[in-house]
Amino acid sequence: MTSIAAPVFVAALLLLGGCANLGVEPWERDLLAKPEMQLIADPIEAGLDDHIYFSKEASSGGRSFAGGGCGCN
């Protein structure tokens, strides 16, 4: 059992060590602050997309789901 336990323990330590740095470094923040990196890069276009989806589907919200209300995808 000890011959199997040692490599499993080492592998577990390596896997846990891979998650040590998940944050954004200070020198990367300038790239993430650019307008094209935002979740909604163009608020006017997002508003138009919401209006079209609302008019088409007769519902509000749920922009991230594809498919029509008629059952077609």
PDB file of N, CA and C in Angstrom:
ATOM      1  N   MET A   1       0.808  -1.200   0.000  1.00  0.00           N
ATOM      2  CA  MET A   1       0.000   0.000   0.000  1.00  0.00           C
ATOM      3  C   MET A   1       0.848   1.261   0.000  1.00  0.00           C
ATOM      4  N   THR A   2       1.978   1.266   0.669  1.00  0.00           N
ATOM      5  CA  THR A   2       2.784   2.479   0.745  1.00  0.00           C
ATOM      6  C   THR A   2       3.418   2.818  -0.592  1.00  0.00           C
ATOM      7  N   SER A   3       3.657   1.827  -1.440  1.00  0.00           N
ATOM      8  CA  SER A   3       4.246   2.127  -2.744  1.00  0.00           C
ATOM      9  C   SER A   3       3.235   2.834  -3.654  1.00  0.00           C
ATOM     10  N   ILE A   4       1.953   2.649  -3.420  1.00  0.00           N
ATOM     11  CA  ILE A   4       0.921   3.321  -4.200  1.00  0.00           C
ATOM     12  C   ILE A   4       0.551   4.656  -3.549  1.00  0.00           C
ATOM     13  N   ALA A   5       0.596   4.731  -2.248  1.00  0.00           N
ATOM     14  CA  ALA A   5       0.161   5.931  -1.530  1.00  0.00           C
ATOM     15  C   ALA A   5       1.089   7.116  -1.772  1.00  0.00           C
ATOM     16  N   ALA A   6       2.387   6.878  -1.877  1.00  0.00           N
ATOM     17  CA  ALA A   6       3.332   7.983  -2.059  1.00  0.00           C
ATOM     18  C   ALA A   6       3.116   8.706  -3.396  1.00  0.00           C
ATOM     19  N   PRO A   7       3.020   8.004  -4.540  1.00  0.00           N
ATOM     20  CA  PRO A   7       2.773   8.731  -5.797  1.00  0.00           C
ATOM     21  C   PRO A   7       1.402   9.417  -5.836  1.00  0.00           C
ATOM     22  N   VAL A   8       0.413   8.822  -5.209  1.00  0.00           N
ATOM     23  CA  VAL A   8      -0.906   9.449  -5.165  1.00  0.00           C
ATOM     24  C   VAL A   8      -0.846  10.732  -4.341  1.00  0.00           C
ATOM     25  N   PHE A   9      -0.116  10.690  -3.236  1.00  0.00           N
ATOM     26  CA  PHE A   9       0.040  11.881  -2.398  1.00  0.00           C
ATOM     27  C   PHE A   9       0.785  12.989  -3.138  1.00  0.00           C
ATOM     28  N   VAL A  10       1.834  12.632  -3.852  1.00  0.00           N
ATOM     29  CA  VAL A  10       2.599  13.622  -4.619  1.00  0.00           C
ATOM     30  C   VAL A  10       1.733  14.205  -5.733  1.00  0.00           C
ATOM     31  N   ALA A  11       0.964  13.371  -6.411  1.00  0.00           N
ATOM     32  CA  ALA A  11       0.082  13.856  -7.480  1.00  0.00           C
ATOM     33  C   ALA A  11      -0.977  14.797  -6.920  1.00  0.00           C
ATOM     34  N   ALA A  12      -1.511  14.481  -5.743  1.00  0.00           N
ATOM     35  CA  ALA A  12      -2.512  15.348  -5.124  1.00  0.00           C
ATOM     36  C   ALA A  12      -1.904  16.698  -4.752  1.00  0.00           C
ATOM     37  N   LEU A  13      -0.686  16.697  -4.264  1.00  0.00           N
ATOM     38  CA  LEU A  13      -0.016  17.962  -3.937  1.00  0.00           C
ATOM     39  C   LEU A  13       0.243  18.794  -5.184  1.00  0.00           C
ATOM     40  N   LEU A  14       0.612  18.150  -6.280  1.00  0.00           N
ATOM     41  CA  LEU A  14       0.845  18.884  -7.526  1.00  0.00           C
ATOM     42  C   LEU A  14      -0.456  19.477  -8.063  1.00  0.00           C
ATOM     43  N   LEU A  15      -1.548  18.730  -7.962  1.00  0.00           N
ATOM     44  CA  LEU A  15      -2.831  19.235  -8.427  1.00  0.00           C
ATOM     45  C   LEU A  15      -3.309  20.415  -7.576  1.00  0.00           C
ATOM     46  N   LEU A  16      -3.117  20.338  -6.278  1.00  0.00           N
ATOM     47  CA  LEU A  16      -3.506  21.441  -5.407  1.00  0.00           C
ATOM     48  C   LEU A  16      -2.613  22.661  -5.613  1.00  0.00           C
ATOM     49  N   GLY A  17      -1.360  22.443  -5.933  1.00  0.00           N
ATOM     50  CA  GLY A  17      -0.448  23.550  -6.186  1.00  0.00           C
ATOM     51  C   GLY A  17      -0.768  24.295  -7.474  1.00  0.00           C
ATOM     52  N   GLY A  18      -1.450  23.645  -8.411  1.00  0.00           N
ATOM     53  CA  GLY A  18      -1.823  24.286  -9.666  1.00  0.00           C
ATOM     54  C   GLY A  18      -2.874  25.363  -9.486  1.00  0.00           C
ATOM     55  N   CYS A  19      -3.610  25.323  -8.397  1.00  0.00           N
ATOM     56  CA  CYS A  19      -4.666  26.304  -8.135  1.00  0.00           C
ATOM     57  C   CYS A  19      -4.193  27.412  -7.199  1.00  0.00           C
ATOM     58  N   ALA A  20      -2.907  27.539  -7.002  1.00  0.00           N
ATOM     59  CA  ALA A  20      -2.399  28.494  -6.028  1.00  0.00           C
ATOM     60  C   ALA A  20      -2.591  29.935  -6.467  1.00  0.00           C
ATOM     61  N   ASN A  21      -2.539  30.221  -7.774  1.00  0.00           N
ATOM     62  CA  ASN A  21      -2.613  31.609  -8.225  1.00  0.00           C
ATOM     63  C   ASN A  21      -3.700  31.732  -9.287  1.00  0.00           C
ATOM     64  N   LEU A  22      -4.909  32.013  -8.865  1.00  0.00           N
ATOM     65  CA  LEU A  22      -6.012  32.167  -9.797  1.00  0.00           C
ATOM     66  C   LEU A  22      -6.424  33.614  -9.989  1.00  0.00           C
ATOM     67  N   GLY A  23      -5.790  34.535  -9.313  1.00  0.00           N
ATOM     68  CA  GLY A  23      -6.162  35.943  -9.384  1.00  0.00           C
ATOM     69  C   GLY A  23      -5.539  36.650 -10.578  1.00  0.00           C
ATOM     70  N   VAL A  24      -5.921  37.886 -10.760  1.00  0.00           N
ATOM     71  CA  VAL A  24      -5.385  38.722 -11.827  1.00  0.00           C
ATOM     72  C   VAL A  24      -4.208  39.499 -11.273  1.00  0.00           C
ATOM     73  N   GLU A  25      -3.105  39.447 -11.977  1.00  0.00           N
ATOM     74  CA  GLU A  25      -1.913  40.175 -11.557  1.00  0.00           C
ATOM     75  C   GLU A  25      -2.072  41.657 -11.894  1.00  0.00           C
ATOM     76  N   PRO A  26      -1.395  42.532 -11.154  1.00  0.00           N
ATOM     77  CA  PRO A  26      -1.541  43.973 -11.409  1.00  0.00           C
ATOM     78  C   PRO A  26      -1.179  44.383 -12.829  1.00  0.00           C
ATOM     79  N   TRP A  27      -0.197  43.736 -13.446  1.00  0.00           N
ATOM     80  CA  TRP A  27       0.201  44.117 -14.807  1.00  0.00           C
ATOM     81  C   TRP A  27      -0.780  43.601 -15.859  1.00  0.00           C
ATOM     82  N   GLU A  28      -1.708  42.739 -15.473  1.00  0.00           N
ATOM     83  CA  GLU A  28      -2.718  42.249 -16.407  1.00  0.00           C
ATOM     84  C   GLU A  28      -4.001  43.074 -16.353  1.00  0.00           C
ATOM     85  N   ARG A  29      -4.137  43.912 -15.369  1.00  0.00           N
ATOM     86  CA  ARG A  29      -5.381  44.663 -15.187  1.00  0.00           C
ATOM     87  C   ARG A  29      -5.596  45.711 -16.259  1.00  0.00           C
ATOM     88  N   ASP A  30      -4.532  46.235 -16.849  1.00  0.00           N
ATOM     89  CA  ASP A  30      -4.720  47.215 -17.912  1.00  0.00           C
ATOM     90  C   ASP A  30      -5.358  46.579 -19.135  1.00  0.00           C
ATOM     91  N   LEU A  31      -5.046  45.322 -19.407  1.00  0.00           N
ATOM     92  CA  LEU A  31      -5.658  44.635 -20.549  1.00  0.00           C
ATOM     93  C   LEU A  31      -7.129  44.331 -20.286  1.00  0.00           C
ATOM     94  N   LEU A  32      -7.448  43.964 -19.064  1.00  0.00           N
ATOM     95  CA  LEU A  32      -8.830  43.616 -18.733  1.00  0.00           C
ATOM     96  C   LEU A  32      -9.713  44.851 -18.595  1.00  0.00           C
ATOM     97  N   ALA A  33      -9.123  46.030 -18.446  1.00  0.00           N
ATOM     98  CA  ALA A  33      -9.902  47.250 -18.291  1.00  0.00           C
ATOM     99  C   ALA A  33     -10.300  47.866 -19.636  1.00  0.00           C
ATOM    100  N   LYS A  34      -9.807  47.324 -20.742  1.00  0.00           N
ATOM    101  CA  LYS A  34     -10.155  47.871 -22.056  1.00  0.00           C
ATOM    102  C   LYS A  34     -11.638  47.628 -22.346  1.00  0.00           C
ATOM    103  N   PRO A  35     -12.265  48.555 -23.060  1.00  0.00           N
ATOM    104  CA  PRO A  35     -13.702  48.421 -23.334  1.00  0.00           C
ATOM    105  C   PRO A  35     -14.062  47.140 -24.085  1.00  0.00           C
ATOM    106  N   GLU A  36     -13.195  46.684 -24.982  1.00  0.00           N
ATOM    107  CA  GLU A  36     -13.524  45.479 -25.748  1.00  0.00           C
ATOM    108  C   GLU A  36     -13.427  44.199 -24.925  1.00  0.00           C
ATOM    109  N   MET A  37     -12.879  44.296 -23.709  1.00  0.00           N
ATOM    110  CA  MET A  37     -12.775  43.124 -22.849  1.00  0.00           C
ATOM    111  C   MET A  37     -13.946  43.024 -21.869  1.00  0.00           C
ATOM    112  N   GLN A  38     -14.870  43.956 -21.898  1.00  0.00           N
ATOM    113  CA  GLN A  38     -16.016  43.927 -20.998  1.00  0.00           C
ATOM    114  C   GLN A  38     -17.005  42.857 -21.442  1.00  0.00           C
ATOM    115  N   LEU A  39     -17.836  42.398 -20.528  1.00  0.00           N
ATOM    116  CA  LEU A  39     -18.853  41.411 -20.885  1.00  0.00           C
ATOM    117  C   LEU A  39     -19.831  41.987 -21.897  1.00  0.00           C
ATOM    118  N   ILE A  40     -20.204  43.229 -21.709  1.00  0.00           N
ATOM    119  CA  ILE A  40     -21.053  43.927 -22.665  1.00  0.00           C
ATOM    120  C   ILE A  40     -20.198  45.066 -23.220  1.00  0.00           C
ATOM    121  N   ALA A  41     -19.569  44.814 -24.373  1.00  0.00           N
ATOM    122  CA  ALA A  41     -18.639  45.788 -24.934  1.00  0.00           C
ATOM    123  C   ALA A  41     -19.366  47.022 -25.451  1.00  0.00           C
ATOM    124  N   ASP A  42     -20.555  46.849 -26.004  1.00  0.00           N
ATOM    125  CA  ASP A  42     -21.313  47.974 -26.547  1.00  0.00           C
ATOM    126  C   ASP A  42     -22.712  47.949 -25.941  1.00  0.00           C
ATOM    127  N   PRO A  43     -22.990  48.796 -24.945  1.00  0.00           N
ATOM    128  CA  PRO A  43     -24.292  48.758 -24.273  1.00  0.00           C
ATOM    129  C   PRO A  43     -25.459  49.090 -25.205  1.00  0.00           C
ATOM    130  N   ILE A  44     -25.234  49.937 -26.200  1.00  0.00           N
ATOM    131  CA  ILE A  44     -26.330  50.275 -27.122  1.00  0.00           C
ATOM    132  C   ILE A  44     -26.699  49.060 -27.954  1.00  0.00           C
ATOM    133  N   GLU A  45     -25.692  48.345 -28.454  1.00  0.00           N
ATOM    134  CA  GLU A  45     -25.958  47.139 -29.235  1.00  0.00           C
ATOM    135  C   GLU A  45     -26.624  46.063 -28.379  1.00  0.00           C
ATOM    136  N   ALA A  46     -26.206  45.951 -27.115  1.00  0.00           N
ATOM    137  CA  ALA A  46     -26.823  44.986 -26.223  1.00  0.00           C
ATOM    138  C   ALA A  46     -28.282  45.342 -25.973  1.00  0.00           C
ATOM    139  N   GLY A  47     -28.584  46.646 -25.846  1.00  0.00           N
ATOM    140  CA  GLY A  47     -29.966  47.077 -25.668  1.00  0.00           C
ATOM    141  C   GLY A  47     -30.816  46.774 -26.892  1.00  0.00           C
ATOM    142  N   LEU A  48     -30.253  46.973 -28.074  1.00  0.00           N
ATOM    143  CA  LEU A  48     -30.976  46.639 -29.303  1.00  0.00           C
ATOM    144  C   LEU A  48     -31.215  45.132 -29.405  1.00  0.00           C
ATOM    145  N   ASP A  49     -30.200  44.341 -29.050  1.00  0.00           N
ATOM    146  CA  ASP A  49     -30.370  42.888 -29.064  1.00  0.00           C
ATOM    147  C   ASP A  49     -31.462  42.457 -28.087  1.00  0.00           C
ATOM    148  N   ASP A  50     -31.497  43.085 -26.897  1.00  0.00           N
ATOM    149  CA  ASP A  50     -32.551  42.781 -25.925  1.00  0.00           C
ATOM    150  C   ASP A  50     -33.918  43.130 -26.479  1.00  0.00           C
ATOM    151  N   HIS A  51     -34.019  44.268 -27.145  1.00  0.00           N
ATOM    152  CA  HIS A  51     -35.305  44.687 -27.706  1.00  0.00           C
ATOM    153  C   HIS A  51     -35.761  43.715 -28.794  1.00  0.00           C
ATOM    154  N   ILE A  52     -34.852  43.306 -29.657  1.00  0.00           N
ATOM    155  CA  ILE A  52     -35.203  42.370 -30.724  1.00  0.00           C
ATOM    156  C   ILE A  52     -35.624  41.034 -30.124  1.00  0.00           C
ATOM    157  N   TYR A  53     -34.870  40.555 -29.127  1.00  0.00           N
ATOM    158  CA  TYR A  53     -35.213  39.277 -28.513  1.00  0.00           C
ATOM    159  C   TYR A  53     -36.559  39.359 -27.810  1.00  0.00           C
ATOM    160  N   PHE A  54     -36.811  40.471 -27.113  1.00  0.00           N
ATOM    161  CA  PHE A  54     -38.081  40.640 -26.417  1.00  0.00           C
ATOM    162  C   PHE A  54     -39.233  40.678 -27.417  1.00  0.00           C
ATOM    163  N   SER A  55     -39.039  41.380 -28.517  1.00  0.00           N
ATOM    164  CA  SER A  55     -40.098  41.480 -29.512  1.00  0.00           C
ATOM    165  C   SER A  55     -40.341  40.146 -30.205  1.00  0.00           C
ATOM    166  N   LYS A  56     -39.292  39.402 -30.422  1.00  0.00           N
ATOM    167  CA  LYS A  56     -39.392  38.132 -31.139  1.00  0.00           C
ATOM    168  C   LYS A  56     -39.952  37.023 -30.258  1.00  0.00           C
ATOM    169  N   GLU A  57     -39.526  36.990 -29.022  1.00  0.00           N
ATOM    170  CA  GLU A  57     -39.882  35.884 -28.144  1.00  0.00           C
ATOM    171  C   GLU A  57     -41.018  36.203 -27.180  1.00  0.00           C
ATOM    172  N   ALA A  58     -41.446  37.449 -27.120  1.00  0.00           N
ATOM    173  CA  ALA A  58     -42.485  37.881 -26.190  1.00  0.00           C
ATOM    174  C   ALA A  58     -42.109  37.539 -24.754  1.00  0.00           C
ATOM    175  N   SER A  59     -40.862  37.713 -24.444  1.00  0.00           N
ATOM    176  CA  SER A  59     -40.370  37.480 -23.088  1.00  0.00           C
ATOM    177  C   SER A  59     -39.254  38.469 -22.814  1.00  0.00           C
ATOM    178  N   SER A  60     -38.815  38.539 -21.575  1.00  0.00           N
ATOM    179  CA  SER A  60     -37.710  39.429 -21.244  1.00  0.00           C
ATOM    180  C   SER A  60     -36.602  38.613 -20.602  1.00  0.00           C
ATOM    181  N   GLY A  61     -35.380  39.055 -20.813  1.00  0.00           N
ATOM    182  CA  GLY A  61     -34.224  38.362 -20.268  1.00  0.00           C
ATOM    183  C   GLY A  61     -33.887  37.117 -21.068  1.00  0.00           C
ATOM    184  N   GLY A  62     -32.897  36.390 -20.607  1.00  0.00           N
ATOM    185  CA  GLY A  62     -32.548  35.137 -21.262  1.00  0.00           C
ATOM    186  C   GLY A  62     -31.856  35.299 -22.587  1.00  0.00           C
ATOM    187  N   ARG A  63     -31.049  36.345 -22.739  1.00  0.00           N
ATOM    188  CA  ARG A  63     -30.345  36.552 -24.012  1.00  0.00           C
ATOM    189  C   ARG A  63     -29.387  35.431 -24.326  1.00  0.00           C
ATOM    190  N   SER A  64     -28.905  34.730 -23.333  1.00  0.00           N
ATOM    191  CA  SER A  64     -27.855  33.746 -23.571  1.00  0.00           C
ATOM    192  C   SER A  64     -28.379  32.426 -24.101  1.00  0.00           C
ATOM    193  N   PHE A  65     -29.675  32.241 -24.178  1.00  0.00           N
ATOM    194  CA  PHE A  65     -30.221  30.981 -24.663  1.00  0.00           C
ATOM    195  C   PHE A  65     -30.565  31.101 -26.127  1.00  0.00           C
ATOM    196  N   ALA A  66     -30.207  30.096 -26.888  1.00  0.00           N
ATOM    197  CA  ALA A  66     -30.490  30.102 -28.320  1.00  0.00           C
ATOM    198  C   ALA A  66     -31.817  29.411 -28.585  1.00  0.00           C
ATOM    199  N   GLY A  67     -32.332  29.643 -29.748  1.00  0.00           N
ATOM    200  CA  GLY A  67     -33.550  28.963 -30.154  1.00  0.00           C
ATOM    201  C   GLY A  67     -34.745  29.889 -30.141  1.00  0.00           C
ATOM    202  N   GLY A  68     -35.753  29.506 -30.843  1.00  0.00           N
ATOM    203  CA  GLY A  68     -36.948  30.314 -30.943  1.00  0.00           C
ATOM    204  C   GLY A  68     -38.060  29.781 -30.058  1.00  0.00           C
ATOM    205  N   GLY A  69     -39.093  30.580 -29.888  1.00  0.00           N
ATOM    206  CA  GLY A  69     -40.230  30.160 -29.077  1.00  0.00           C
ATOM    207  C   GLY A  69     -41.100  29.142 -29.790  1.00  0.00           C
ATOM    208  N   CYS A  70     -40.850  28.967 -31.105  1.00  0.00           N
ATOM    209  CA  CYS A  70     -41.657  28.048 -31.889  1.00  0.00           C
ATOM    210  C   CYS A  70     -41.171  26.610 -31.749  1.00  0.00           C
ATOM    211  N   GLY A  71     -40.062  26.389 -31.054  1.00  0.00           N
ATOM    212  CA  GLY A  71     -39.525  25.056 -30.908  1.00  0.00           C
ATOM    213  C   GLY A  71     -38.373  24.791 -31.855  1.00  0.00           C
ATOM    214  N   CYS A  72     -38.073  25.720 -32.735  1.00  0.00           N
ATOM    215  CA  CYS A  72     -36.955  25.534 -33.665  1.00  0.00           C
ATOM    216  C   CYS A  72     -35.681  26.113 -33.034  1.00  0.00           C
ATOM    217  N   ASN A  73     -34.573  25.565 -33.396  1.00  0.00           N
ATOM    218  CA  ASN A  73     -33.288  26.053 -32.853  1.00  0.00           C
ATOM    219  C   ASN A  73     -32.581  26.879 -33.850  1.00  0.00           C
TER     220      ASN A  73
END
